Amino acid sequence: MRYSIWFAATALCTASGMAQAQNYPEKPVRIIVPFAPGGGSDFIARAISPPLTKALGQQFIIDNRPGAGSTLGSEIALKSPGDGYTLLLISGSFTTAPSLYKNLKYDTLNDMAPVIQTENGPYIITVHPSLPVKTVKQLVALAKSKPTEINFASTGNGGITHLASELFAMRTGIKITHIPYKGTGPGVIDTLAGHTQMMVAAAAAAMGHVKSGRLRGLAVSSPKRLSALPDMPTVMESGYKYEVNNWHGVIAPKGVPRAIIDKLNSEINKAIKDPDFAKRISSEGLEPAGGTPEAFAVLLKREVAEWAEVVRQAKVTIN
């Protein structure tokens, strides 16, 4: 009897979710970007919004909510109703936050429903041309001969480029000195000027300077080479177990009916497979990802655990 009641209730919920999905969306959908306009996350959100608006017949509106290392916007999104009308565009900072911020007002993995990973891209290990190295192995040898003397720039204390640099140091066995900046731009500018000697920079921020010779690119952090820089090796090709992906994706608050998640996943998959989308993000050193909500969930769970270990070993704290 109890099983029959449970089965009936489950069937009713499933039918209700499917009915909601058929009519979804019936009003504009908000995509919260937990960063200021103009950054990489904002770029991706604005790239997927028009095709979603066209396909689903309602406006997908970008709502920038920067602050507190992306946790402010994340909190607003994950505390919104689970009805599919609030989405969150996330990046790697979403998976580093639980290890850095001890008083988060949301549960990173349990208060959300993954929708899709939108794209992948590498970071580039860059150095100022005055540094006498042309390969990762030469950089490692120099750093080991001069512990803590090589300074590296990051986009801020606890930011993804800071942790990516700490992971690089851990995997190569070197000691380098962290110089935090307030964002990508200032960090790149000071590395170009030689005030810092090294930066693990997003491909979009570094590629033009590498091509012009103002920065020297040693390797990319992805498991395969970047199509825009085919002659640049990966760090793993240099013999070190190091992989960091510059990715973005879409999640929703928990409770969104699975049928709506599937509808969003299907339409975003279509949008990012469009050749125009691929061409647009290739200028940023990115490639379309796509896939299922389950695959994205695996990535998120793995990265939360991996960054927690980096934070612990490197003793990174947020002041």
C-alpha atoms as a PDB file:
ATOM      1  CA  MET A   1       0.000   0.000   0.000  1.00  0.00           C
ATOM      2  CA  ARG A   2       2.756   2.443   0.989  1.00  0.00           C
ATOM      3  CA  TYR A   3       4.634   1.570  -2.211  1.00  0.00           C
ATOM      4  CA  SER A   4       1.514   2.283  -4.274  1.00  0.00           C
ATOM      5  CA  ILE A   5       1.084   5.696  -2.603  1.00  0.00           C
ATOM      6  CA  TRP A   6       4.770   6.524  -3.166  1.00  0.00           C
ATOM      7  CA  PHE A   7       4.586   5.401  -6.800  1.00  0.00           C
ATOM      8  CA  ALA A   8       1.485   7.489  -7.412  1.00  0.00           C
ATOM      9  CA  ALA A   9       3.050  10.547  -5.808  1.00  0.00           C
ATOM     10  CA  THR A  10       6.229  10.124  -7.855  1.00  0.00           C
ATOM     11  CA  ALA A  11       4.263   9.726 -11.066  1.00  0.00           C
ATOM     12  CA  LEU A  12       2.233  12.832 -10.212  1.00  0.00           C
ATOM     13  CA  CYS A  13       5.388  14.901  -9.604  1.00  0.00           C
ATOM     14  CA  THR A  14       6.927  13.656 -12.849  1.00  0.00           C
ATOM     15  CA  ALA A  15       3.781  14.493 -14.807  1.00  0.00           C
ATOM     16  CA  SER A  16       3.618  17.918 -13.173  1.00  0.00           C
ATOM     17  CA  GLY A  17       7.275  18.616 -14.043  1.00  0.00           C
ATOM     18  CA  MET A  18       6.722  17.564 -17.661  1.00  0.00           C
ATOM     19  CA  ALA A  19       3.692  19.835 -17.905  1.00  0.00           C
ATOM     20  CA  GLN A  20       5.722  22.732 -16.524  1.00  0.00           C
ATOM     21  CA  ALA A  21       8.489  22.045 -19.022  1.00  0.00           C
ATOM     22  CA  GLN A  22       6.081  22.052 -21.979  1.00  0.00           C
ATOM     23  CA  ASN A  23       5.053  25.622 -21.183  1.00  0.00           C
ATOM     24  CA  TYR A  24       8.474  26.758 -19.938  1.00  0.00           C
ATOM     25  CA  PRO A  25       9.409  29.552 -20.042  1.00  0.00           C
ATOM     26  CA  GLU A  26       6.268  31.632 -19.609  1.00  0.00           C
ATOM     27  CA  LYS A  27       8.149  34.766 -18.525  1.00  0.00           C
ATOM     28  CA  PRO A  28      11.715  36.161 -18.800  1.00  0.00           C
ATOM     29  CA  VAL A  29      14.545  34.092 -17.316  1.00  0.00           C
ATOM     30  CA  ARG A  30      17.309  35.724 -15.294  1.00  0.00           C
ATOM     31  CA  ILE A  31      20.918  34.556 -15.721  1.00  0.00           C
ATOM     32  CA  ILE A  32      22.914  35.799 -12.750  1.00  0.00           C
ATOM     33  CA  VAL A  33      26.595  36.449 -13.480  1.00  0.00           C
ATOM     34  CA  PRO A  34      28.470  36.781 -10.172  1.00  0.00           C
ATOM     35  CA  PHE A  35      31.072  39.088 -11.710  1.00  0.00           C
ATOM     36  CA  ALA A  36      31.156  42.607 -13.126  1.00  0.00           C
ATOM     37  CA  PRO A  37      30.281  43.213 -16.794  1.00  0.00           C
ATOM     38  CA  GLY A  38      33.068  42.724 -19.307  1.00  0.00           C
ATOM     39  CA  GLY A  39      34.766  39.646 -17.849  1.00  0.00           C
ATOM     40  CA  GLY A  40      34.938  36.094 -19.164  1.00  0.00           C
ATOM     41  CA  SER A  41      31.808  34.893 -17.353  1.00  0.00           C
ATOM     42  CA  ASP A  42      29.825  37.885 -18.604  1.00  0.00           C
ATOM     43  CA  PHE A  43      31.087  37.192 -22.136  1.00  0.00           C
ATOM     44  CA  ILE A  44      29.828  33.593 -22.044  1.00  0.00           C
ATOM     45  CA  ALA A  45      26.457  34.540 -20.568  1.00  0.00           C
ATOM     46  CA  ARG A  46      25.919  37.138 -23.280  1.00  0.00           C
ATOM     47  CA  ALA A  47      26.932  34.611 -25.942  1.00  0.00           C
ATOM     48  CA  ILE A  48      24.327  32.016 -24.937  1.00  0.00           C
ATOM     49  CA  SER A  49      21.514  34.411 -24.048  1.00  0.00           C
ATOM     50  CA  PRO A  50      20.428  35.402 -27.614  1.00  0.00           C
ATOM     51  CA  PRO A  51      20.062  31.833 -28.958  1.00  0.00           C
ATOM     52  CA  LEU A  52      18.090  30.828 -25.844  1.00  0.00           C
ATOM     53  CA  THR A  53      15.825  33.842 -26.251  1.00  0.00           C
ATOM     54  CA  LYS A  54      15.262  32.953 -29.894  1.00  0.00           C
ATOM     55  CA  ALA A  55      14.667  29.243 -29.278  1.00  0.00           C
ATOM     56  CA  LEU A  56      12.420  29.520 -26.226  1.00  0.00           C
ATOM     57  CA  GLY A  57      10.509  32.717 -26.977  1.00  0.00           C
ATOM     58  CA  GLN A  58      11.290  34.592 -23.760  1.00  0.00           C
ATOM     59  CA  GLN A  59      14.067  36.990 -22.849  1.00  0.00           C
ATOM     60  CA  PHE A  60      17.101  35.532 -21.059  1.00  0.00           C
ATOM     61  CA  ILE A  61      18.284  38.586 -19.134  1.00  0.00           C
ATOM     62  CA  ILE A  62      21.834  38.982 -17.774  1.00  0.00           C
ATOM     63  CA  ASP A  63      21.973  40.169 -14.159  1.00  0.00           C
ATOM     64  CA  ASN A  64      25.520  41.021 -13.001  1.00  0.00           C
ATOM     65  CA  ARG A  65      25.923  40.614  -9.234  1.00  0.00           C
ATOM     66  CA  PRO A  66      29.646  40.916  -8.433  1.00  0.00           C
ATOM     67  CA  GLY A  67      31.132  40.790  -4.965  1.00  0.00           C
ATOM     68  CA  ALA A  68      32.810  38.602  -2.334  1.00  0.00           C
ATOM     69  CA  GLY A  69      34.734  36.522  -4.847  1.00  0.00           C
ATOM     70  CA  SER A  70      31.562  35.557  -6.771  1.00  0.00           C
ATOM     71  CA  THR A  71      29.823  34.248  -3.638  1.00  0.00           C
ATOM     72  CA  LEU A  72      27.359  37.147  -3.440  1.00  0.00           C
ATOM     73  CA  GLY A  73      25.802  36.431  -6.821  1.00  0.00           C
ATOM     74  CA  SER A  74      25.938  32.702  -6.174  1.00  0.00           C
ATOM     75  CA  GLU A  75      24.021  33.133  -2.920  1.00  0.00           C
ATOM     76  CA  ILE A  76      21.332  35.246  -4.593  1.00  0.00           C
ATOM     77  CA  ALA A  77      20.879  32.651  -7.332  1.00  0.00           C
ATOM     78  CA  LEU A  78      20.888  29.539  -5.142  1.00  0.00           C
ATOM     79  CA  LYS A  79      18.420  31.038  -2.691  1.00  0.00           C
ATOM     80  CA  SER A  80      15.978  31.841  -5.503  1.00  0.00           C
ATOM     81  CA  PRO A  81      12.911  29.648  -6.131  1.00  0.00           C
ATOM     82  CA  GLY A  82      13.632  26.373  -7.917  1.00  0.00           C
ATOM     83  CA  ASP A  83      11.334  27.133 -10.818  1.00  0.00           C
ATOM     84  CA  GLY A  84      13.802  27.567 -13.675  1.00  0.00           C
ATOM     85  CA  TYR A  85      13.463  31.353 -13.863  1.00  0.00           C
ATOM     86  CA  THR A  86      16.791  32.069 -12.163  1.00  0.00           C
ATOM     87  CA  LEU A  87      20.007  30.516 -13.499  1.00  0.00           C
ATOM     88  CA  LEU A  88      23.637  31.047 -12.477  1.00  0.00           C
ATOM     89  CA  LEU A  89      26.619  31.275 -14.818  1.00  0.00           C
ATOM     90  CA  ILE A  90      29.578  29.814 -12.925  1.00  0.00           C
ATOM     91  CA  SER A  91      33.323  29.420 -13.396  1.00  0.00           C
ATOM     92  CA  GLY A  92      36.115  27.730 -11.458  1.00  0.00           C
ATOM     93  CA  SER A  93      35.696  30.179  -8.570  1.00  0.00           C
ATOM     94  CA  PHE A  94      32.422  28.436  -7.712  1.00  0.00           C
ATOM     95  CA  THR A  95      34.355  25.285  -6.815  1.00  0.00           C
ATOM     96  CA  THR A  96      37.116  27.082  -4.888  1.00  0.00           C
ATOM     97  CA  ALA A  97      34.748  29.136  -2.708  1.00  0.00           C
ATOM     98  CA  PRO A  98      33.796  26.438  -0.165  1.00  0.00           C
ATOM     99  CA  SER A  99      37.447  25.991   0.807  1.00  0.00           C
ATOM    100  CA  LEU A 100      38.139  29.714   1.058  1.00  0.00           C
ATOM    101  CA  TYR A 101      34.974  31.121   2.613  1.00  0.00           C
ATOM    102  CA  LYS A 102      34.073  29.377   5.851  1.00  0.00           C
ATOM    103  CA  ASN A 103      30.711  31.107   6.318  1.00  0.00           C
ATOM    104  CA  LEU A 104      29.037  30.547   2.966  1.00  0.00           C
ATOM    105  CA  LYS A 105      25.277  30.880   3.216  1.00  0.00           C
ATOM    106  CA  TYR A 106      24.713  28.132   0.679  1.00  0.00           C
ATOM    107  CA  ASP A 107      25.887  24.555   0.164  1.00  0.00           C
ATOM    108  CA  THR A 108      27.964  24.540  -3.021  1.00  0.00           C
ATOM    109  CA  LEU A 109      27.015  21.066  -4.225  1.00  0.00           C
ATOM    110  CA  ASN A 110      23.695  20.408  -2.501  1.00  0.00           C
ATOM    111  CA  ASP A 111      21.862  23.689  -3.114  1.00  0.00           C
ATOM    112  CA  MET A 112      22.197  23.583  -6.888  1.00  0.00           C
ATOM    113  CA  ALA A 113      21.131  21.588  -9.922  1.00  0.00           C
ATOM    114  CA  PRO A 114      23.752  21.321 -12.700  1.00  0.00           C
ATOM    115  CA  VAL A 115      22.533  22.164 -16.193  1.00  0.00           C
ATOM    116  CA  ILE A 116      25.556  22.117 -18.513  1.00  0.00           C
ATOM    117  CA  GLN A 117      29.231  22.934 -18.948  1.00  0.00           C
ATOM    118  CA  THR A 118      29.421  25.503 -21.713  1.00  0.00           C
ATOM    119  CA  GLU A 119      33.093  25.552 -22.706  1.00  0.00           C
ATOM    120  CA  ASN A 120      36.684  24.656 -21.898  1.00  0.00           C
ATOM    121  CA  GLY A 121      39.915  26.547 -22.274  1.00  0.00           C
ATOM    122  CA  PRO A 122      43.445  26.606 -20.907  1.00  0.00           C
ATOM    123  CA  TYR A 123      45.533  28.953 -18.880  1.00  0.00           C
ATOM    124  CA  ILE A 124      48.950  29.868 -20.224  1.00  0.00           C
ATOM    125  CA  ILE A 125      52.109  29.735 -18.136  1.00  0.00           C
ATOM    126  CA  THR A 126      53.636  33.084 -19.089  1.00  0.00           C
ATOM    127  CA  VAL A 127      56.848  34.823 -18.085  1.00  0.00           C
ATOM    128  CA  HIS A 128      58.373  38.220 -18.794  1.00  0.00           C
ATOM    129  CA  PRO A 129      60.858  37.962 -21.701  1.00  0.00           C
ATOM    130  CA  SER A 130      63.678  39.083 -19.407  1.00  0.00           C
ATOM    131  CA  LEU A 131      63.440  35.795 -17.516  1.00  0.00           C
ATOM    132  CA  PRO A 132      66.050  33.496 -19.124  1.00  0.00           C
ATOM    133  CA  VAL A 133      63.741  30.529 -19.721  1.00  0.00           C
ATOM    134  CA  LYS A 134      61.946  29.204 -22.786  1.00  0.00           C
ATOM    135  CA  THR A 135      60.453  25.976 -21.435  1.00  0.00           C
ATOM    136  CA  VAL A 136      58.680  24.811 -18.308  1.00  0.00           C
ATOM    137  CA  LYS A 137      61.661  22.642 -17.382  1.00  0.00           C
ATOM    138  CA  GLN A 138      63.972  25.647 -17.601  1.00  0.00           C
ATOM    139  CA  LEU A 139      61.573  27.671 -15.438  1.00  0.00           C
ATOM    140  CA  VAL A 140      61.483  24.909 -12.847  1.00  0.00           C
ATOM    141  CA  ALA A 141      65.277  24.632 -12.829  1.00  0.00           C
ATOM    142  CA  LEU A 142      65.656  28.395 -12.393  1.00  0.00           C
ATOM    143  CA  ALA A 143      63.053  28.541  -9.629  1.00  0.00           C
ATOM    144  CA  LYS A 144      64.739  25.705  -7.768  1.00  0.00           C
ATOM    145  CA  SER A 145      68.073  27.501  -7.975  1.00  0.00           C
ATOM    146  CA  LYS A 146      66.498  30.699  -6.641  1.00  0.00           C
ATOM    147  CA  PRO A 147      63.744  29.697  -4.177  1.00  0.00           C
ATOM    148  CA  THR A 148      61.045  32.383  -3.646  1.00  0.00           C
ATOM    149  CA  GLU A 149      62.909  34.890  -5.886  1.00  0.00           C
ATOM    150  CA  ILE A 150      60.517  34.503  -8.820  1.00  0.00           C
ATOM    151  CA  ASN A 151      57.345  36.552  -8.289  1.00  0.00           C
ATOM    152  CA  PHE A 152      54.035  35.597  -9.855  1.00  0.00           C
ATOM    153  CA  ALA A 153      50.977  37.775 -10.399  1.00  0.00           C
ATOM    154  CA  SER A 154      47.426  36.632  -9.792  1.00  0.00           C
ATOM    155  CA  THR A 155      43.957  38.108 -10.162  1.00  0.00           C
ATOM    156  CA  GLY A 156      43.613  38.263  -6.384  1.00  0.00           C
ATOM    157  CA  ASN A 157      44.250  36.325  -3.200  1.00  0.00           C
ATOM    158  CA  GLY A 158      42.370  33.041  -3.382  1.00  0.00           C
ATOM    159  CA  GLY A 159      41.368  33.619  -6.997  1.00  0.00           C
ATOM    160  CA  ILE A 160      41.511  30.835  -9.534  1.00  0.00           C
ATOM    161  CA  THR A 161      44.801  32.054 -11.055  1.00  0.00           C
ATOM    162  CA  HIS A 162      46.338  32.222  -7.580  1.00  0.00           C
ATOM    163  CA  LEU A 163      45.335  28.636  -6.848  1.00  0.00           C
ATOM    164  CA  ALA A 164      46.358  27.501 -10.341  1.00  0.00           C
ATOM    165  CA  SER A 165      49.819  28.973  -9.701  1.00  0.00           C
ATOM    166  CA  GLU A 166      50.049  27.331  -6.276  1.00  0.00           C
ATOM    167  CA  LEU A 167      49.107  24.010  -7.869  1.00  0.00           C
ATOM    168  CA  PHE A 168      51.790  24.524 -10.526  1.00  0.00           C
ATOM    169  CA  ALA A 169      54.360  25.149  -7.772  1.00  0.00           C
ATOM    170  CA  MET A 170      53.223  22.042  -5.892  1.00  0.00           C
ATOM    171  CA  ARG A 171      53.332  19.786  -8.957  1.00  0.00           C
ATOM    172  CA  THR A 172      56.774  21.027 -10.042  1.00  0.00           C
ATOM    173  CA  GLY A 173      58.298  21.258  -6.571  1.00  0.00           C
ATOM    174  CA  ILE A 174      59.216  24.933  -6.729  1.00  0.00           C
ATOM    175  CA  LYS A 175      58.731  27.902  -4.401  1.00  0.00           C
ATOM    176  CA  ILE A 176      57.517  31.149  -5.959  1.00  0.00           C
ATOM    177  CA  THR A 177      56.258  34.363  -4.370  1.00  0.00           C
ATOM    178  CA  HIS A 178      52.651  35.494  -4.765  1.00  0.00           C
ATOM    179  CA  ILE A 179      51.827  39.101  -5.732  1.00  0.00           C
ATOM    180  CA  PRO A 180      48.019  39.535  -5.771  1.00  0.00           C
ATOM    181  CA  TYR A 181      46.251  42.111  -7.942  1.00  0.00           C
ATOM    182  CA  LYS A 182      42.660  43.286  -8.186  1.00  0.00           C
ATOM    183  CA  GLY A 183      41.752  41.525 -11.392  1.00  0.00           C
ATOM    184  CA  THR A 184      43.298  40.167 -14.558  1.00  0.00           C
ATOM    185  CA  GLY A 185      44.132  43.516 -16.162  1.00  0.00           C
ATOM    186  CA  PRO A 186      46.408  44.911 -13.437  1.00  0.00           C
ATOM    187  CA  GLY A 187      48.209  41.573 -13.068  1.00  0.00           C
ATOM    188  CA  VAL A 188      48.901  41.313 -16.791  1.00  0.00           C
ATOM    189  CA  ILE A 189      50.007  44.959 -16.976  1.00  0.00           C
ATOM    190  CA  ASP A 190      52.575  44.529 -14.209  1.00  0.00           C
ATOM    191  CA  THR A 191      53.848  41.295 -15.731  1.00  0.00           C
ATOM    192  CA  LEU A 192      54.232  43.061 -19.079  1.00  0.00           C
ATOM    193  CA  ALA A 193      56.183  45.778 -17.269  1.00  0.00           C
ATOM    194  CA  GLY A 194      58.415  43.227 -15.554  1.00  0.00           C
ATOM    195  CA  HIS A 195      57.283  44.112 -12.036  1.00  0.00           C
ATOM    196  CA  THR A 196      56.242  40.469 -11.721  1.00  0.00           C
ATOM    197  CA  GLN A 197      58.060  37.787 -13.651  1.00  0.00           C
ATOM    198  CA  MET A 198      55.408  35.128 -14.101  1.00  0.00           C
ATOM    199  CA  MET A 199      51.650  34.743 -14.433  1.00  0.00           C
ATOM    200  CA  VAL A 200      49.309  31.828 -15.027  1.00  0.00           C
ATOM    201  CA  ALA A 201      46.867  33.782 -17.177  1.00  0.00           C
ATOM    202  CA  ALA A 202      43.665  32.886 -18.993  1.00  0.00           C
ATOM    203  CA  ALA A 203      44.326  32.371 -22.688  1.00  0.00           C
ATOM    204  CA  ALA A 204      42.082  35.303 -23.598  1.00  0.00           C
ATOM    205  CA  ALA A 205      44.132  37.666 -21.433  1.00  0.00           C
ATOM    206  CA  ALA A 206      47.552  36.406 -22.516  1.00  0.00           C
ATOM    207  CA  MET A 207      47.275  35.201 -26.098  1.00  0.00           C
ATOM    208  CA  GLY A 208      47.700  38.571 -27.824  1.00  0.00           C
ATOM    209  CA  HIS A 209      50.716  39.466 -25.706  1.00  0.00           C
ATOM    210  CA  VAL A 210      52.276  36.051 -26.324  1.00  0.00           C
ATOM    211  CA  LYS A 211      51.820  36.395 -30.080  1.00  0.00           C
ATOM    212  CA  SER A 212      53.360  39.878 -30.018  1.00  0.00           C
ATOM    213  CA  GLY A 213      56.319  38.689 -27.936  1.00  0.00           C
ATOM    214  CA  ARG A 214      55.618  41.012 -25.012  1.00  0.00           C
ATOM    215  CA  LEU A 215      55.082  37.905 -22.879  1.00  0.00           C
ATOM    216  CA  ARG A 216      56.717  34.533 -23.369  1.00  0.00           C
ATOM    217  CA  GLY A 217      54.292  31.621 -23.266  1.00  0.00           C
ATOM    218  CA  LEU A 218      55.884  28.426 -22.014  1.00  0.00           C
ATOM    219  CA  ALA A 219      52.979  25.981 -21.955  1.00  0.00           C
ATOM    220  CA  VAL A 220      49.213  25.628 -21.647  1.00  0.00           C
ATOM    221  CA  SER A 221      47.475  24.095 -18.657  1.00  0.00           C
ATOM    222  CA  SER A 222      44.990  21.970 -20.613  1.00  0.00           C
ATOM    223  CA  PRO A 223      45.492  18.276 -21.465  1.00  0.00           C
ATOM    224  CA  LYS A 224      45.708  19.133 -25.177  1.00  0.00           C
ATOM    225  CA  ARG A 225      47.286  21.984 -27.098  1.00  0.00           C
ATOM    226  CA  LEU A 226      45.398  25.171 -27.854  1.00  0.00           C
ATOM    227  CA  SER A 227      44.365  25.346 -31.511  1.00  0.00           C
ATOM    228  CA  ALA A 228      45.192  29.063 -31.612  1.00  0.00           C
ATOM    229  CA  LEU A 229      48.749  28.337 -30.385  1.00  0.00           C
ATOM    230  CA  PRO A 230      49.487  24.898 -31.869  1.00  0.00           C
ATOM    231  CA  ASP A 231      53.251  25.092 -31.306  1.00  0.00           C
ATOM    232  CA  MET A 232      52.952  25.681 -27.573  1.00  0.00           C
ATOM    233  CA  PRO A 233      53.197  22.435 -25.556  1.00  0.00           C
ATOM    234  CA  THR A 234      51.074  21.459 -22.591  1.00  0.00           C
ATOM    235  CA  VAL A 235      52.577  21.370 -19.120  1.00  0.00           C
ATOM    236  CA  MET A 236      51.994  17.612 -19.102  1.00  0.00           C
ATOM    237  CA  GLU A 237      54.080  17.279 -22.269  1.00  0.00           C
ATOM    238  CA  SER A 238      56.869  18.860 -20.240  1.00  0.00           C
ATOM    239  CA  GLY A 239      56.677  15.956 -17.808  1.00  0.00           C
ATOM    240  CA  TYR A 240      54.570  17.377 -14.973  1.00  0.00           C
ATOM    241  CA  LYS A 241      51.136  16.168 -13.865  1.00  0.00           C
ATOM    242  CA  TYR A 242      49.336  19.475 -14.100  1.00  0.00           C
ATOM    243  CA  GLU A 243      45.946  20.280 -15.581  1.00  0.00           C
ATOM    244  CA  VAL A 244      43.741  23.302 -14.947  1.00  0.00           C
ATOM    245  CA  ASN A 245      40.768  24.118 -17.139  1.00  0.00           C
ATOM    246  CA  ASN A 246      39.278  27.568 -17.656  1.00  0.00           C
ATOM    247  CA  TRP A 247      35.625  26.537 -17.872  1.00  0.00           C
ATOM    248  CA  HIS A 248      32.163  28.010 -17.413  1.00  0.00           C
ATOM    249  CA  GLY A 249      28.774  26.442 -17.002  1.00  0.00           C
ATOM    250  CA  VAL A 250      25.153  26.958 -16.066  1.00  0.00           C
ATOM    251  CA  ILE A 251      23.476  25.749 -12.890  1.00  0.00           C
ATOM    252  CA  ALA A 252      20.096  26.329 -11.270  1.00  0.00           C
ATOM    253  CA  PRO A 253      18.832  26.349  -7.688  1.00  0.00           C
ATOM    254  CA  LYS A 254      17.875  22.924  -6.370  1.00  0.00           C
ATOM    255  CA  GLY A 255      14.284  21.896  -6.891  1.00  0.00           C
ATOM    256  CA  VAL A 256      13.984  22.822 -10.562  1.00  0.00           C
ATOM    257  CA  PRO A 257      11.980  20.025 -12.250  1.00  0.00           C
ATOM    258  CA  ARG A 258      14.195  17.654 -14.189  1.00  0.00           C
ATOM    259  CA  ALA A 259      12.143  18.201 -17.326  1.00  0.00           C
ATOM    260  CA  ILE A 260      13.046  21.912 -17.261  1.00  0.00           C
ATOM    261  CA  ILE A 261      16.722  21.107 -16.626  1.00  0.00           C
ATOM    262  CA  ASP A 262      16.657  18.769 -19.628  1.00  0.00           C
ATOM    263  CA  LYS A 263      14.994  21.412 -21.797  1.00  0.00           C
ATOM    264  CA  LEU A 264      17.631  23.997 -20.885  1.00  0.00           C
ATOM    265  CA  ASN A 265      20.414  21.468 -21.383  1.00  0.00           C
ATOM    266  CA  SER A 266      19.118  20.564 -24.834  1.00  0.00           C
ATOM    267  CA  GLU A 267      18.814  24.169 -26.005  1.00  0.00           C
ATOM    268  CA  ILE A 268      22.211  25.233 -24.624  1.00  0.00           C
ATOM    269  CA  ASN A 269      23.819  22.185 -26.226  1.00  0.00           C
ATOM    270  CA  LYS A 270      22.358  23.337 -29.541  1.00  0.00           C
ATOM    271  CA  ALA A 271      23.521  26.912 -28.999  1.00  0.00           C
ATOM    272  CA  ILE A 272      27.139  26.075 -28.205  1.00  0.00           C
ATOM    273  CA  LYS A 273      27.431  23.640 -31.114  1.00  0.00           C
ATOM    274  CA  ASP A 274      26.564  26.419 -33.552  1.00  0.00           C
ATOM    275  CA  PRO A 275      29.646  27.304 -35.659  1.00  0.00           C
ATOM    276  CA  ASP A 276      29.140  31.016 -34.950  1.00  0.00           C
ATOM    277  CA  PHE A 277      29.355  30.376 -31.206  1.00  0.00           C
ATOM    278  CA  ALA A 278      32.516  28.316 -31.613  1.00  0.00           C
ATOM    279  CA  LYS A 279      34.067  31.036 -33.772  1.00  0.00           C
ATOM    280  CA  ARG A 280      33.113  33.721 -31.270  1.00  0.00           C
ATOM    281  CA  ILE A 281      34.654  32.002 -28.244  1.00  0.00           C
ATOM    282  CA  SER A 282      37.744  30.796 -30.136  1.00  0.00           C
ATOM    283  CA  SER A 283      38.998  34.386 -29.981  1.00  0.00           C
ATOM    284  CA  GLU A 284      39.007  33.918 -26.206  1.00  0.00           C
ATOM    285  CA  GLY A 285      41.023  30.699 -26.429  1.00  0.00           C
ATOM    286  CA  LEU A 286      37.937  28.613 -25.623  1.00  0.00           C
ATOM    287  CA  GLU A 287      36.208  25.613 -27.171  1.00  0.00           C
ATOM    288  CA  PRO A 288      32.585  24.443 -26.751  1.00  0.00           C
ATOM    289  CA  ALA A 289      32.013  21.717 -24.158  1.00  0.00           C
ATOM    290  CA  GLY A 290      28.383  20.657 -23.752  1.00  0.00           C
ATOM    291  CA  GLY A 291      27.224  17.303 -22.434  1.00  0.00           C
ATOM    292  CA  THR A 292      24.801  16.153 -19.773  1.00  0.00           C
ATOM    293  CA  PRO A 293      23.946  17.582 -16.354  1.00  0.00           C
ATOM    294  CA  GLU A 294      25.442  14.425 -14.826  1.00  0.00           C
ATOM    295  CA  ALA A 295      28.802  14.983 -16.541  1.00  0.00           C
ATOM    296  CA  PHE A 296      28.890  18.560 -15.280  1.00  0.00           C
ATOM    297  CA  ALA A 297      28.037  17.361 -11.762  1.00  0.00           C
ATOM    298  CA  VAL A 298      31.055  15.040 -11.829  1.00  0.00           C
ATOM    299  CA  LEU A 299      33.331  17.944 -12.822  1.00  0.00           C
ATOM    300  CA  LEU A 300      31.998  20.170 -10.039  1.00  0.00           C
ATOM    301  CA  LYS A 301      32.363  17.514  -7.340  1.00  0.00           C
ATOM    302  CA  ARG A 302      35.898  16.652  -8.465  1.00  0.00           C
ATOM    303  CA  GLU A 303      37.054  20.271  -8.574  1.00  0.00           C
ATOM    304  CA  VAL A 304      35.625  21.119  -5.133  1.00  0.00           C
ATOM    305  CA  ALA A 305      37.718  18.282  -3.676  1.00  0.00           C
ATOM    306  CA  GLU A 306      40.864  19.103  -5.683  1.00  0.00           C
ATOM    307  CA  TRP A 307      40.882  22.823  -4.854  1.00  0.00           C
ATOM    308  CA  ALA A 308      40.223  22.063  -1.197  1.00  0.00           C
ATOM    309  CA  GLU A 309      43.467  20.081  -1.166  1.00  0.00           C
ATOM    310  CA  VAL A 310      45.387  22.895  -2.883  1.00  0.00           C
ATOM    311  CA  VAL A 311      44.040  25.445  -0.380  1.00  0.00           C
ATOM    312  CA  ARG A 312      44.998  23.180   2.495  1.00  0.00           C
ATOM    313  CA  GLN A 313      48.515  22.386   1.292  1.00  0.00           C
ATOM    314  CA  ALA A 314      49.326  25.947   0.175  1.00  0.00           C
ATOM    315  CA  LYS A 315      47.731  27.360   3.356  1.00  0.00           C
ATOM    316  CA  VAL A 316      45.753  29.910   1.356  1.00  0.00           C
ATOM    317  CA  THR A 317      43.475  32.163   3.398  1.00  0.00           C
ATOM    318  CA  ILE A 318      41.147  35.030   2.581  1.00  0.00           C
ATOM    319  CA  ASN A 319      41.792  38.062   4.773  1.00  0.00           C
END
